Amino acid sequence: MTESEFNQQVDDTLISIEEALDELDLDIDYETSGGILTITLENGSKIIINRQTPVKQLWLAAKDGGYHLDWVHDQWITDKDKEPLEQLLSRVMTQQSGESISFTL
């Protein structure tokens, strides 16, 4: 994947996440600035997603730790546990919000 393709994939992913957040019937705020998506849950906790162009990864920071995701077989998956992005987002958002959140991209 070229750097240009990587950046386009990240941009598309961030837009998909924003659209999915809009579909949730929850009090969730988000802001994208400089390729960094900051999700603020109702209780004030945050999840931050950003691109890491030099290593062609998407990084996600949550209360329980940081995750590095690679683009594999047309999806973002964590480099350690091979957890898909939408499953990871559902899990960390549920943990941090205390509400059951099912996230679909």
PDB file of N, CA and C in Angstrom:
ATOM      1  N   MET A   1       0.848  -1.170   0.000  1.00  0.00           N
ATOM      2  CA  MET A   1       0.000   0.000   0.000  1.00  0.00           C
ATOM      3  C   MET A   1       0.898   1.238   0.000  1.00  0.00           C
ATOM      4  N   THR A   2       0.629   2.138  -0.917  1.00  0.00           N
ATOM      5  CA  THR A   2       1.404   3.367  -0.973  1.00  0.00           C
ATOM      6  C   THR A   2       0.959   4.305   0.149  1.00  0.00           C
ATOM      7  N   GLU A   3       1.744   5.330   0.392  1.00  0.00           N
ATOM      8  CA  GLU A   3       1.380   6.306   1.422  1.00  0.00           C
ATOM      9  C   GLU A   3       0.074   7.001   1.072  1.00  0.00           C
ATOM     10  N   SER A   4      -0.111   7.304  -0.193  1.00  0.00           N
ATOM     11  CA  SER A   4      -1.345   7.947  -0.637  1.00  0.00           C
ATOM     12  C   SER A   4      -2.550   7.028  -0.409  1.00  0.00           C
ATOM     13  N   GLU A   5      -2.416   5.760  -0.755  1.00  0.00           N
ATOM     14  CA  GLU A   5      -3.502   4.790  -0.537  1.00  0.00           C
ATOM     15  C   GLU A   5      -3.797   4.634   0.955  1.00  0.00           C
ATOM     16  N   PHE A   6      -2.735   4.588   1.754  1.00  0.00           N
ATOM     17  CA  PHE A   6      -2.895   4.485   3.201  1.00  0.00           C
ATOM     18  C   PHE A   6      -3.679   5.679   3.737  1.00  0.00           C
ATOM     19  N   ASN A   7      -3.272   6.879   3.367  1.00  0.00           N
ATOM     20  CA  ASN A   7      -3.943   8.089   3.846  1.00  0.00           C
ATOM     21  C   ASN A   7      -5.405   8.128   3.418  1.00  0.00           C
ATOM     22  N   GLN A   8      -5.691   7.687   2.197  1.00  0.00           N
ATOM     23  CA  GLN A   8      -7.079   7.654   1.726  1.00  0.00           C
ATOM     24  C   GLN A   8      -7.882   6.637   2.533  1.00  0.00           C
ATOM     25  N   GLN A   9      -7.287   5.479   2.829  1.00  0.00           N
ATOM     26  CA  GLN A   9      -7.984   4.458   3.603  1.00  0.00           C
ATOM     27  C   GLN A   9      -8.287   4.963   5.017  1.00  0.00           C
ATOM     28  N   VAL A  10      -7.325   5.644   5.634  1.00  0.00           N
ATOM     29  CA  VAL A  10      -7.550   6.198   6.970  1.00  0.00           C
ATOM     30  C   VAL A  10      -8.654   7.259   6.921  1.00  0.00           C
ATOM     31  N   ASP A  11      -8.590   8.148   5.931  1.00  0.00           N
ATOM     32  CA  ASP A  11      -9.625   9.178   5.798  1.00  0.00           C
ATOM     33  C   ASP A  11     -11.007   8.538   5.660  1.00  0.00           C
ATOM     34  N   ASP A  12     -11.117   7.523   4.814  1.00  0.00           N
ATOM     35  CA  ASP A  12     -12.393   6.829   4.615  1.00  0.00           C
ATOM     36  C   ASP A  12     -12.860   6.171   5.913  1.00  0.00           C
ATOM     37  N   THR A  13     -11.928   5.587   6.653  1.00  0.00           N
ATOM     38  CA  THR A  13     -12.263   4.922   7.912  1.00  0.00           C
ATOM     39  C   THR A  13     -12.764   5.927   8.941  1.00  0.00           C
ATOM     40  N   LEU A  14     -12.080   7.057   9.066  1.00  0.00           N
ATOM     41  CA  LEU A  14     -12.502   8.076  10.030  1.00  0.00           C
ATOM     42  C   LEU A  14     -13.898   8.604   9.696  1.00  0.00           C
ATOM     43  N   ILE A  15     -14.175   8.791   8.424  1.00  0.00           N
ATOM     44  CA  ILE A  15     -15.510   9.229   8.003  1.00  0.00           C
ATOM     45  C   ILE A  15     -16.549   8.163   8.347  1.00  0.00           C
ATOM     46  N   SER A  16     -16.219   6.896   8.113  1.00  0.00           N
ATOM     47  CA  SER A  16     -17.143   5.805   8.444  1.00  0.00           C
ATOM     48  C   SER A  16     -17.425   5.753   9.939  1.00  0.00           C
ATOM     49  N   ILE A  17     -16.400   5.975  10.748  1.00  0.00           N
ATOM     50  CA  ILE A  17     -16.585   5.985  12.195  1.00  0.00           C
ATOM     51  C   ILE A  17     -17.498   7.137  12.599  1.00  0.00           C
ATOM     52  N   GLU A  18     -17.270   8.317  12.041  1.00  0.00           N
ATOM     53  CA  GLU A  18     -18.115   9.475  12.349  1.00  0.00           C
ATOM     54  C   GLU A  18     -19.573   9.197  11.971  1.00  0.00           C
ATOM     55  N   GLU A  19     -19.786   8.611  10.803  1.00  0.00           N
ATOM     56  CA  GLU A  19     -21.147   8.299  10.364  1.00  0.00           C
ATOM     57  C   GLU A  19     -21.797   7.281  11.295  1.00  0.00           C
ATOM     58  N   ALA A  20     -21.028   6.269  11.733  1.00  0.00           N
ATOM     59  CA  ALA A  20     -21.557   5.265  12.657  1.00  0.00           C
ATOM     60  C   ALA A  20     -21.882   5.883  14.013  1.00  0.00           C
ATOM     61  N   LEU A  21     -21.047   6.817  14.466  1.00  0.00           N
ATOM     62  CA  LEU A  21     -21.322   7.509  15.730  1.00  0.00           C
ATOM     63  C   LEU A  21     -22.610   8.312  15.644  1.00  0.00           C
ATOM     64  N   ASP A  22     -22.848   8.932  14.493  1.00  0.00           N
ATOM     65  CA  ASP A  22     -24.080   9.700  14.293  1.00  0.00           C
ATOM     66  C   ASP A  22     -25.314   8.807  14.377  1.00  0.00           C
ATOM     67  N   GLU A  23     -25.172   7.541  13.994  1.00  0.00           N
ATOM     68  CA  GLU A  23     -26.292   6.604  13.999  1.00  0.00           C
ATOM     69  C   GLU A  23     -26.629   6.099  15.400  1.00  0.00           C
ATOM     70  N   LEU A  24     -25.666   6.151  16.314  1.00  0.00           N
ATOM     71  CA  LEU A  24     -25.907   5.684  17.676  1.00  0.00           C
ATOM     72  C   LEU A  24     -26.815   6.666  18.393  1.00  0.00           C
ATOM     73  N   ASP A  25     -27.739   6.145  19.153  1.00  0.00           N
ATOM     74  CA  ASP A  25     -28.668   6.997  19.894  1.00  0.00           C
ATOM     75  C   ASP A  25     -28.093   7.253  21.287  1.00  0.00           C
ATOM     76  N   LEU A  26     -26.895   7.834  21.321  1.00  0.00           N
ATOM     77  CA  LEU A  26     -26.192   8.103  22.566  1.00  0.00           C
ATOM     78  C   LEU A  26     -25.635   9.516  22.543  1.00  0.00           C
ATOM     79  N   ASP A  27     -25.341  10.039  23.719  1.00  0.00           N
ATOM     80  CA  ASP A  27     -24.754  11.376  23.827  1.00  0.00           C
ATOM     81  C   ASP A  27     -23.236  11.249  23.688  1.00  0.00           C
ATOM     82  N   ILE A  28     -22.784  11.168  22.447  1.00  0.00           N
ATOM     83  CA  ILE A  28     -21.362  11.017  22.150  1.00  0.00           C
ATOM     84  C   ILE A  28     -20.940  12.187  21.267  1.00  0.00           C
ATOM     85  N   ASP A  29     -19.870  12.852  21.662  1.00  0.00           N
ATOM     86  CA  ASP A  29     -19.310  13.922  20.841  1.00  0.00           C
ATOM     87  C   ASP A  29     -18.042  13.414  20.178  1.00  0.00           C
ATOM     88  N   TYR A  30     -17.734  13.984  19.041  1.00  0.00           N
ATOM     89  CA  TYR A  30     -16.474  13.643  18.380  1.00  0.00           C
ATOM     90  C   TYR A  30     -15.968  14.851  17.613  1.00  0.00           C
ATOM     91  N   GLU A  31     -14.664  14.846  17.413  1.00  0.00           N
ATOM     92  CA  GLU A  31     -14.020  15.932  16.666  1.00  0.00           C
ATOM     93  C   GLU A  31     -12.845  15.344  15.909  1.00  0.00           C
ATOM     94  N   THR A  32     -12.714  15.736  14.659  1.00  0.00           N
ATOM     95  CA  THR A  32     -11.573  15.329  13.857  1.00  0.00           C
ATOM     96  C   THR A  32     -10.745  16.565  13.551  1.00  0.00           C
ATOM     97  N   SER A  33      -9.463  16.473  13.842  1.00  0.00           N
ATOM     98  CA  SER A  33      -8.562  17.578  13.581  1.00  0.00           C
ATOM     99  C   SER A  33      -7.185  17.017  13.260  1.00  0.00           C
ATOM    100  N   GLY A  34      -6.668  17.369  12.096  1.00  0.00           N
ATOM    101  CA  GLY A  34      -5.328  16.928  11.711  1.00  0.00           C
ATOM    102  C   GLY A  34      -5.189  15.412  11.628  1.00  0.00           C
ATOM    103  N   GLY A  35      -6.269  14.727  11.216  1.00  0.00           N
ATOM    104  CA  GLY A  35      -6.213  13.279  11.095  1.00  0.00           C
ATOM    105  C   GLY A  35      -6.354  12.543  12.411  1.00  0.00           C
ATOM    106  N   ILE A  36      -6.739  13.255  13.465  1.00  0.00           N
ATOM    107  CA  ILE A  36      -6.955  12.641  14.774  1.00  0.00           C
ATOM    108  C   ILE A  36      -8.433  12.755  15.121  1.00  0.00           C
ATOM    109  N   LEU A  37      -9.061  11.616  15.389  1.00  0.00           N
ATOM    110  CA  LEU A  37     -10.459  11.578  15.780  1.00  0.00           C
ATOM    111  C   LEU A  37     -10.527  11.371  17.286  1.00  0.00           C
ATOM    112  N   THR A  38     -11.135  12.323  17.976  1.00  0.00           N
ATOM    113  CA  THR A  38     -11.313  12.231  19.417  1.00  0.00           C
ATOM    114  C   THR A  38     -12.797  12.016  19.702  1.00  0.00           C
ATOM    115  N   ILE A  39     -13.103  10.890  20.335  1.00  0.00           N
ATOM    116  CA  ILE A  39     -14.472  10.543  20.704  1.00  0.00           C
ATOM    117  C   ILE A  39     -14.615  10.802  22.200  1.00  0.00           C
ATOM    118  N   THR A  40     -15.597  11.608  22.568  1.00  0.00           N
ATOM    119  CA  THR A  40     -15.850  11.904  23.980  1.00  0.00           C
ATOM    120  C   THR A  40     -17.200  11.318  24.360  1.00  0.00           C
ATOM    121  N   LEU A  41     -17.161  10.389  25.296  1.00  0.00           N
ATOM    122  CA  LEU A  41     -18.383   9.733  25.754  1.00  0.00           C
ATOM    123  C   LEU A  41     -19.110  10.602  26.774  1.00  0.00           C
ATOM    124  N   GLU A  42     -20.341  10.241  27.079  1.00  0.00           N
ATOM    125  CA  GLU A  42     -21.183  11.038  27.966  1.00  0.00           C
ATOM    126  C   GLU A  42     -20.536  11.276  29.331  1.00  0.00           C
ATOM    127  N   ASN A  43     -19.773  10.298  29.820  1.00  0.00           N
ATOM    128  CA  ASN A  43     -19.124  10.430  31.135  1.00  0.00           C
ATOM    129  C   ASN A  43     -17.803  11.202  31.068  1.00  0.00           C
ATOM    130  N   GLY A  44     -17.461  11.716  29.883  1.00  0.00           N
ATOM    131  CA  GLY A  44     -16.250  12.520  29.721  1.00  0.00           C
ATOM    132  C   GLY A  44     -15.020  11.744  29.322  1.00  0.00           C
ATOM    133  N   SER A  45     -15.085  10.414  29.349  1.00  0.00           N
ATOM    134  CA  SER A  45     -13.910   9.637  28.943  1.00  0.00           C
ATOM    135  C   SER A  45     -13.730   9.733  27.425  1.00  0.00           C
ATOM    136  N   LYS A  46     -12.500   9.547  26.990  1.00  0.00           N
ATOM    137  CA  LYS A  46     -12.168   9.751  25.582  1.00  0.00           C
ATOM    138  C   LYS A  46     -11.547   8.503  24.968  1.00  0.00           C
ATOM    139  N   ILE A  47     -11.759   8.376  23.653  1.00  0.00           N
ATOM    140  CA  ILE A  47     -11.094   7.385  22.821  1.00  0.00           C
ATOM    141  C   ILE A  47     -10.498   8.185  21.668  1.00  0.00           C
ATOM    142  N   ILE A  48      -9.225   7.972  21.411  1.00  0.00           N
ATOM    143  CA  ILE A  48      -8.534   8.750  20.380  1.00  0.00           C
ATOM    144  C   ILE A  48      -8.019   7.802  19.306  1.00  0.00           C
ATOM    145  N   ILE A  49      -8.308   8.150  18.057  1.00  0.00           N
ATOM    146  CA  ILE A  49      -7.870   7.352  16.913  1.00  0.00           C
ATOM    147  C   ILE A  49      -7.050   8.251  16.003  1.00  0.00           C
ATOM    148  N   ASN A  50      -5.854   7.796  15.648  1.00  0.00           N
ATOM    149  CA  ASN A  50      -5.036   8.607  14.744  1.00  0.00           C
ATOM    150  C   ASN A  50      -4.188   7.739  13.826  1.00  0.00           C
ATOM    151  N   ARG A  51      -3.765   8.363  12.749  1.00  0.00           N
ATOM    152  CA  ARG A  51      -2.945   7.667  11.748  1.00  0.00           C
ATOM    153  C   ARG A  51      -1.483   7.740  12.146  1.00  0.00           C
ATOM    154  N   GLN A  52      -0.767   6.695  11.827  1.00  0.00           N
ATOM    155  CA  GLN A  52       0.684   6.649  12.000  1.00  0.00           C
ATOM    156  C   GLN A  52       1.275   6.306  10.637  1.00  0.00           C
ATOM    157  N   THR A  53       1.458   7.341   9.836  1.00  0.00           N
ATOM    158  CA  THR A  53       1.869   7.172   8.447  1.00  0.00           C
ATOM    159  C   THR A  53       3.200   6.438   8.293  1.00  0.00           C
ATOM    160  N   PRO A  54       4.234   6.739   9.096  1.00  0.00           N
ATOM    161  CA  PRO A  54       5.512   6.043   8.885  1.00  0.00           C
ATOM    162  C   PRO A  54       5.418   4.516   8.970  1.00  0.00           C
ATOM    163  N   VAL A  55       4.526   4.010   9.824  1.00  0.00           N
ATOM    164  CA  VAL A  55       4.390   2.553   9.976  1.00  0.00           C
ATOM    165  C   VAL A  55       3.102   2.029   9.334  1.00  0.00           C
ATOM    166  N   LYS A  56       2.358   2.933   8.682  1.00  0.00           N
ATOM    167  CA  LYS A  56       1.096   2.595   8.007  1.00  0.00           C
ATOM    168  C   LYS A  56       0.147   1.841   8.931  1.00  0.00           C
ATOM    169  N   GLN A  57      -0.085   2.444  10.100  1.00  0.00           N
ATOM    170  CA  GLN A  57      -1.001   1.872  11.069  1.00  0.00           C
ATOM    171  C   GLN A  57      -2.004   2.923  11.523  1.00  0.00           C
ATOM    172  N   LEU A  58      -3.108   2.428  12.034  1.00  0.00           N
ATOM    173  CA  LEU A  58      -4.109   3.241  12.703  1.00  0.00           C
ATOM    174  C   LEU A  58      -3.950   2.929  14.185  1.00  0.00           C
ATOM    175  N   TRP A  59      -3.813   3.957  15.015  1.00  0.00           N
ATOM    176  CA  TRP A  59      -3.628   3.745  16.454  1.00  0.00           C
ATOM    177  C   TRP A  59      -4.872   4.202  17.182  1.00  0.00           C
ATOM    178  N   LEU A  60      -5.260   3.426  18.195  1.00  0.00           N
ATOM    179  CA  LEU A  60      -6.411   3.753  19.014  1.00  0.00           C
ATOM    180  C   LEU A  60      -5.973   3.756  20.469  1.00  0.00           C
ATOM    181  N   ALA A  61      -6.276   4.843  21.166  1.00  0.00           N
ATOM    182  CA  ALA A  61      -5.960   4.951  22.591  1.00  0.00           C
ATOM    183  C   ALA A  61      -7.268   4.954  23.365  1.00  0.00           C
ATOM    184  N   ALA A  62      -7.351   4.061  24.351  1.00  0.00           N
ATOM    185  CA  ALA A  62      -8.526   3.946  25.214  1.00  0.00           C
ATOM    186  C   ALA A  62      -8.045   3.823  26.650  1.00  0.00           C
ATOM    187  N   LYS A  63      -8.985   3.837  27.602  1.00  0.00           N
ATOM    188  CA  LYS A  63      -8.605   3.731  29.010  1.00  0.00           C
ATOM    189  C   LYS A  63      -7.797   2.480  29.308  1.00  0.00           C
ATOM    190  N   ASP A  64      -8.138   1.371  28.636  1.00  0.00           N
ATOM    191  CA  ASP A  64      -7.459   0.117  28.942  1.00  0.00           C
ATOM    192  C   ASP A  64      -6.171  -0.090  28.154  1.00  0.00           C
ATOM    193  N   GLY A  65      -5.770   0.900  27.359  1.00  0.00           N
ATOM    194  CA  GLY A  65      -4.487   0.788  26.674  1.00  0.00           C
ATOM    195  C   GLY A  65      -4.508   1.314  25.256  1.00  0.00           C
ATOM    196  N   GLY A  66      -3.386   1.094  24.588  1.00  0.00           N
ATOM    197  CA  GLY A  66      -3.232   1.526  23.207  1.00  0.00           C
ATOM    198  C   GLY A  66      -3.241   0.332  22.274  1.00  0.00           C
ATOM    199  N   TYR A  67      -3.772   0.548  21.082  1.00  0.00           N
ATOM    200  CA  TYR A  67      -3.885  -0.518  20.092  1.00  0.00           C
ATOM    201  C   TYR A  67      -3.323  -0.029  18.767  1.00  0.00           C
ATOM    202  N   HIS A  68      -2.591  -0.900  18.096  1.00  0.00           N
ATOM    203  CA  HIS A  68      -2.049  -0.609  16.780  1.00  0.00           C
ATOM    204  C   HIS A  68      -2.756  -1.518  15.788  1.00  0.00           C
ATOM    205  N   LEU A  69      -3.310  -0.920  14.744  1.00  0.00           N
ATOM    206  CA  LEU A  69      -4.080  -1.692  13.768  1.00  0.00           C
ATOM    207  C   LEU A  69      -3.431  -1.626  12.398  1.00  0.00           C
ATOM    208  N   ASP A  70      -3.416  -2.762  11.717  1.00  0.00           N
ATOM    209  CA  ASP A  70      -2.897  -2.881  10.355  1.00  0.00           C
ATOM    210  C   ASP A  70      -4.066  -3.121   9.403  1.00  0.00           C
ATOM    211  N   TRP A  71      -3.898  -2.675   8.155  1.00  0.00           N
ATOM    212  CA  TRP A  71      -4.897  -2.914   7.113  1.00  0.00           C
ATOM    213  C   TRP A  71      -4.596  -4.277   6.499  1.00  0.00           C
ATOM    214  N   VAL A  72      -5.473  -5.258   6.788  1.00  0.00           N
ATOM    215  CA  VAL A  72      -5.269  -6.635   6.328  1.00  0.00           C
ATOM    216  C   VAL A  72      -6.588  -7.160   5.770  1.00  0.00           C
ATOM    217  N   HIS A  73      -6.562  -7.662   4.565  1.00  0.00           N
ATOM    218  CA  HIS A  73      -7.751  -8.252   3.935  1.00  0.00           C
ATOM    219  C   HIS A  73      -8.952  -7.310   4.012  1.00  0.00           C
ATOM    220  N   ASP A  74      -8.715  -6.064   3.626  1.00  0.00           N
ATOM    221  CA  ASP A  74      -9.766  -5.038   3.547  1.00  0.00           C
ATOM    222  C   ASP A  74     -10.419  -4.683   4.877  1.00  0.00           C
ATOM    223  N   GLN A  75      -9.656  -4.788   5.965  1.00  0.00           N
ATOM    224  CA  GLN A  75     -10.157  -4.330   7.262  1.00  0.00           C
ATOM    225  C   GLN A  75      -8.988  -3.985   8.179  1.00  0.00           C
ATOM    226  N   TRP A  76      -9.259  -3.123   9.149  1.00  0.00           N
ATOM    227  CA  TRP A  76      -8.268  -2.784  10.165  1.00  0.00           C
ATOM    228  C   TRP A  76      -8.362  -3.826  11.277  1.00  0.00           C
ATOM    229  N   ILE A  77      -7.235  -4.452  11.628  1.00  0.00           N
ATOM    230  CA  ILE A  77      -7.195  -5.409  12.719  1.00  0.00           C
ATOM    231  C   ILE A  77      -5.997  -5.094  13.620  1.00  0.00           C
ATOM    232  N   THR A  78      -6.147  -5.381  14.922  1.00  0.00           N
ATOM    233  CA  THR A  78      -5.048  -5.113  15.849  1.00  0.00           C
ATOM    234  C   THR A  78      -3.885  -6.038  15.540  1.00  0.00           C
ATOM    235  N   ASP A  79      -2.676  -5.503  15.694  1.00  0.00           N
ATOM    236  CA  ASP A  79      -1.488  -6.275  15.337  1.00  0.00           C
ATOM    237  C   ASP A  79      -1.204  -7.413  16.311  1.00  0.00           C
ATOM    238  N   LYS A  80      -1.702  -7.335  17.547  1.00  0.00           N
ATOM    239  CA  LYS A  80      -1.422  -8.393  18.526  1.00  0.00           C
ATOM    240  C   LYS A  80      -2.511  -9.453  18.567  1.00  0.00           C
ATOM    241  N   ASP A  81      -3.752  -9.030  18.778  1.00  0.00           N
ATOM    242  CA  ASP A  81      -4.847  -9.992  18.982  1.00  0.00           C
ATOM    243  C   ASP A  81      -5.682 -10.249  17.733  1.00  0.00           C
ATOM    244  N   LYS A  82      -5.390  -9.521  16.660  1.00  0.00           N
ATOM    245  CA  LYS A  82      -6.138  -9.651  15.401  1.00  0.00           C
ATOM    246  C   LYS A  82      -7.624  -9.324  15.577  1.00  0.00           C
ATOM    247  N   GLU A  83      -7.911  -8.363  16.453  1.00  0.00           N
ATOM    248  CA  GLU A  83      -9.283  -7.932  16.707  1.00  0.00           C
ATOM    249  C   GLU A  83      -9.675  -6.879  15.667  1.00  0.00           C
ATOM    250  N   PRO A  84     -10.787  -7.061  14.964  1.00  0.00           N
ATOM    251  CA  PRO A  84     -11.226  -6.071  13.983  1.00  0.00           C
ATOM    252  C   PRO A  84     -11.586  -4.743  14.651  1.00  0.00           C
ATOM    253  N   LEU A  85     -11.404  -3.655  13.925  1.00  0.00           N
ATOM    254  CA  LEU A  85     -11.650  -2.312  14.456  1.00  0.00           C
ATOM    255  C   LEU A  85     -13.054  -2.154  15.024  1.00  0.00           C
ATOM    256  N   GLU A  86     -14.078  -2.603  14.303  1.00  0.00           N
ATOM    257  CA  GLU A  86     -15.433  -2.381  14.818  1.00  0.00           C
ATOM    258  C   GLU A  86     -15.680  -3.170  16.105  1.00  0.00           C
ATOM    259  N   GLN A  87     -15.083  -4.335  16.241  1.00  0.00           N
ATOM    260  CA  GLN A  87     -15.202  -5.101  17.486  1.00  0.00           C
ATOM    261  C   GLN A  87     -14.452  -4.388  18.612  1.00  0.00           C
ATOM    262  N   LEU A  88     -13.260  -3.886  18.305  1.00  0.00           N
ATOM    263  CA  LEU A  88     -12.469  -3.144  19.280  1.00  0.00           C
ATOM    264  C   LEU A  88     -13.217  -1.907  19.758  1.00  0.00           C
ATOM    265  N   LEU A  89     -13.769  -1.143  18.822  1.00  0.00           N
ATOM    266  CA  LEU A  89     -14.523   0.060  19.187  1.00  0.00           C
ATOM    267  C   LEU A  89     -15.739  -0.283  20.040  1.00  0.00           C
ATOM    268  N   SER A  90     -16.466  -1.327  19.677  1.00  0.00           N
ATOM    269  CA  SER A  90     -17.620  -1.748  20.476  1.00  0.00           C
ATOM    270  C   SER A  90     -17.184  -2.091  21.893  1.00  0.00           C
ATOM    271  N   ARG A  91     -16.106  -2.817  22.019  1.00  0.00           N
ATOM    272  CA  ARG A  91     -15.622  -3.260  23.327  1.00  0.00           C
ATOM    273  C   ARG A  91     -15.164  -2.088  24.195  1.00  0.00           C
ATOM    274  N   VAL A  92     -14.292  -1.227  23.657  1.00  0.00           N
ATOM    275  CA  VAL A  92     -13.754  -0.141  24.489  1.00  0.00           C
ATOM    276  C   VAL A  92     -14.815   0.914  24.786  1.00  0.00           C
ATOM    277  N   MET A  93     -15.717   1.158  23.849  1.00  0.00           N
ATOM    278  CA  MET A  93     -16.788   2.125  24.110  1.00  0.00           C
ATOM    279  C   MET A  93     -17.747   1.579  25.171  1.00  0.00           C
ATOM    280  N   THR A  94     -18.031   0.288  25.145  1.00  0.00           N
ATOM    281  CA  THR A  94     -18.882  -0.338  26.165  1.00  0.00           C
ATOM    282  C   THR A  94     -18.198  -0.272  27.524  1.00  0.00           C
ATOM    283  N   GLN A  95     -16.915  -0.612  27.573  1.00  0.00           N
ATOM    284  CA  GLN A  95     -16.170  -0.575  28.833  1.00  0.00           C
ATOM    285  C   GLN A  95     -16.155   0.831  29.432  1.00  0.00           C
ATOM    286  N   GLN A  96     -15.875   1.810  28.593  1.00  0.00           N
ATOM    287  CA  GLN A  96     -15.706   3.173  29.095  1.00  0.00           C
ATOM    288  C   GLN A  96     -17.025   3.871  29.390  1.00  0.00           C
ATOM    289  N   SER A  97     -18.077   3.528  28.674  1.00  0.00           N
ATOM    290  CA  SER A  97     -19.344   4.221  28.879  1.00  0.00           C
ATOM    291  C   SER A  97     -20.228   3.533  29.916  1.00  0.00           C
ATOM    292  N   GLY A  98     -20.006   2.229  30.116  1.00  0.00           N
ATOM    293  CA  GLY A  98     -20.874   1.481  31.010  1.00  0.00           C
ATOM    294  C   GLY A  98     -22.186   1.080  30.353  1.00  0.00           C
ATOM    295  N   GLU A  99     -22.341   1.396  29.070  1.00  0.00           N
ATOM    296  CA  GLU A  99     -23.536   1.036  28.302  1.00  0.00           C
ATOM    297  C   GLU A  99     -23.121   0.056  27.211  1.00  0.00           C
ATOM    298  N   SER A 100     -24.031  -0.824  26.853  1.00  0.00           N
ATOM    299  CA  SER A 100     -23.745  -1.763  25.783  1.00  0.00           C
ATOM    300  C   SER A 100     -23.788  -1.022  24.450  1.00  0.00           C
ATOM    301  N   ILE A 101     -22.659  -0.992  23.752  1.00  0.00           N
ATOM    302  CA  ILE A 101     -22.576  -0.293  22.469  1.00  0.00           C
ATOM    303  C   ILE A 101     -22.111  -1.273  21.406  1.00  0.00           C
ATOM    304  N   SER A 102     -22.906  -1.398  20.366  1.00  0.00           N
ATOM    305  CA  SER A 102     -22.546  -2.243  19.227  1.00  0.00           C
ATOM    306  C   SER A 102     -22.207  -1.313  18.068  1.00  0.00           C
ATOM    307  N   PHE A 103     -20.991  -1.404  17.629  1.00  0.00           N
ATOM    308  CA  PHE A 103     -20.471  -0.483  16.629  1.00  0.00           C
ATOM    309  C   PHE A 103     -20.316  -1.204  15.304  1.00  0.00           C
ATOM    310  N   THR A 104     -20.904  -0.660  14.248  1.00  0.00           N
ATOM    311  CA  THR A 104     -20.821  -1.264  12.919  1.00  0.00           C
ATOM    312  C   THR A 104     -20.316  -0.227  11.925  1.00  0.00           C
ATOM    313  N   LEU A 105     -19.271  -0.592  11.198  1.00  0.00           N
ATOM    314  CA  LEU A 105     -18.748   0.305  10.155  1.00  0.00           C
ATOM    315  C   LEU A 105     -19.304  -0.091   8.813  1.00  0.00           C
TER     316      LEU A 105
END
